[in-house]
């Protein structure tokens, strides 16, 4: 049971943060709070759908707690990045995907 719950929650997290979140949304989350909220709502809906499909017996309050924890992390991350905009740590406040970062590095390195 614990392995299946962990597997579904891991899949929910990967889908919510890397598949359902477009590059446009990831870029705009940095500057506008409404995009952070939009991502959190999409994440919550995806969480509910996948958990409903694969973990039938899980209570709604656990799904809401999972989505709320993700929303809290994203909201705190947004607030910290807004406060430290000029001197923010690149890894913590970067909303770029690995592919975008790699492409930027290749363009910089190879001209």
Protein backbone atom coordinates (compact mmCIF):
# COMPACT_ATOMS: atom_id res chain seq x y z
CA UNK A 1 0.00 0.00 0.00
CA UNK A 2 2.74 2.49 0.91
CA UNK A 3 4.64 1.75 -2.30
CA UNK A 4 1.57 2.36 -4.43
CA UNK A 5 0.75 5.61 -2.60
CA UNK A 6 4.34 6.79 -2.99
CA UNK A 7 4.38 5.84 -6.68
CA UNK A 8 1.13 7.67 -7.43
CA UNK A 9 2.20 10.78 -5.49
CA UNK A 10 5.56 10.79 -7.27
CA UNK A 11 3.79 10.52 -10.64
CA UNK A 12 1.41 13.32 -9.63
CA UNK A 13 4.36 15.51 -8.71
CA UNK A 14 6.29 14.80 -11.91
CA UNK A 15 3.25 15.33 -14.12
CA UNK A 16 2.17 18.47 -12.29
CA UNK A 17 5.55 20.17 -12.29
CA UNK A 18 7.03 19.02 -15.58
CA UNK A 19 4.24 17.96 -17.94
CA UNK A 20 1.20 20.11 -17.08
CA UNK A 21 3.34 23.21 -16.47
CA UNK A 22 4.29 24.81 -19.75
CA UNK A 23 7.50 26.75 -20.24
CA UNK A 24 5.41 29.91 -20.57
CA UNK A 25 3.80 29.26 -17.19
CA UNK A 26 7.17 28.49 -15.60
CA UNK A 27 8.62 31.76 -16.91
CA UNK A 28 5.62 33.87 -15.91
CA UNK A 29 5.42 32.35 -12.40
CA UNK A 30 8.54 34.29 -11.54
CA UNK A 31 6.99 37.69 -12.21
CA UNK A 32 3.27 37.34 -11.63
CA UNK A 33 1.59 35.81 -8.62
CA UNK A 34 -1.50 34.92 -10.66
CA UNK A 35 0.56 32.42 -12.68
CA UNK A 36 1.73 30.79 -9.46
CA UNK A 37 -1.88 30.42 -8.36
CA UNK A 38 -2.85 29.08 -11.80
CA UNK A 39 -0.10 26.45 -11.55
CA UNK A 40 -1.25 25.50 -8.06
CA UNK A 41 -4.85 25.06 -9.24
CA UNK A 42 -3.78 22.92 -12.20
CA UNK A 43 -1.57 20.91 -9.86
CA UNK A 44 -4.46 20.43 -7.42
CA UNK A 45 -6.86 19.31 -10.16
CA UNK A 46 -4.28 16.89 -11.57
CA UNK A 47 -3.60 15.55 -8.09
CA UNK A 48 -7.26 14.96 -7.45
CA UNK A 49 -7.76 13.24 -10.81
CA UNK A 50 -4.80 10.88 -10.56
CA UNK A 51 -5.37 10.04 -6.91
CA UNK A 52 -9.07 9.45 -7.60
CA UNK A 53 -8.21 7.12 -10.49
CA UNK A 54 -5.47 5.10 -8.82
CA UNK A 55 -6.05 5.36 -5.06
CA UNK A 56 -9.81 4.95 -4.69
CA UNK A 57 -9.84 4.76 -0.90
CA UNK A 58 -7.81 7.90 -0.18
CA UNK A 59 -9.85 10.56 1.57
CA UNK A 60 -10.30 13.99 0.03
CA UNK A 61 -8.61 15.73 2.94
CA UNK A 62 -5.33 13.95 2.15
CA UNK A 63 -5.53 15.03 -1.48
CA UNK A 64 -6.19 18.60 -0.37
CA UNK A 65 -3.29 18.44 2.09
CA UNK A 66 -0.96 17.20 -0.65
CA UNK A 67 -2.03 19.96 -3.06
CA UNK A 68 -1.92 22.60 -0.30
CA UNK A 69 1.61 21.59 0.66
CA UNK A 70 2.73 22.00 -2.95
CA UNK A 71 0.95 25.35 -3.18
CA UNK A 72 2.61 26.52 0.05
CA UNK A 73 6.05 25.63 -1.28
CA UNK A 74 5.41 27.45 -4.57
CA UNK A 75 4.00 30.52 -2.83
CA UNK A 76 6.92 30.73 -0.39
CA UNK A 77 9.34 30.28 -3.29
CA UNK A 78 7.61 33.11 -5.17
CA UNK A 79 7.78 35.39 -2.12
CA UNK A 80 11.46 34.65 -1.44
CA UNK A 81 12.38 35.25 -5.07
CA UNK A 82 10.50 38.55 -5.09
CA UNK A 83 12.31 39.71 -1.95
CA UNK A 84 15.77 38.72 -3.18
CA UNK A 85 15.24 39.54 -6.87
CA UNK A 86 18.68 41.12 -7.41
CA UNK A 87 20.74 38.62 -5.46
CA UNK A 88 18.62 35.49 -5.68
CA UNK A 89 20.33 32.11 -5.81
CA UNK A 90 20.02 30.87 -9.38
CA UNK A 91 19.17 27.27 -8.50
CA UNK A 92 16.47 28.15 -6.00
CA UNK A 93 14.68 30.82 -8.01
CA UNK A 94 15.23 29.52 -11.51
CA UNK A 95 12.02 28.55 -13.25
CA UNK A 96 13.68 27.42 -16.44
CA UNK A 97 13.56 23.83 -17.52
CA UNK A 98 16.75 21.86 -17.93
CA UNK A 99 16.35 21.93 -21.70
CA UNK A 100 16.05 25.73 -21.75
CA UNK A 101 19.09 26.08 -19.48
CA UNK A 102 21.11 23.66 -21.62
CA UNK A 103 20.14 25.50 -24.83
CA UNK A 104 21.11 28.82 -23.27
CA UNK A 105 24.46 27.36 -22.18
CA UNK A 106 25.12 25.94 -25.66
CA UNK A 107 24.33 29.26 -27.31
CA UNK A 108 26.64 31.04 -24.89
CA UNK A 109 29.45 28.49 -25.28
CA UNK A 110 29.31 27.93 -29.02
CA UNK A 111 28.14 31.37 -30.07
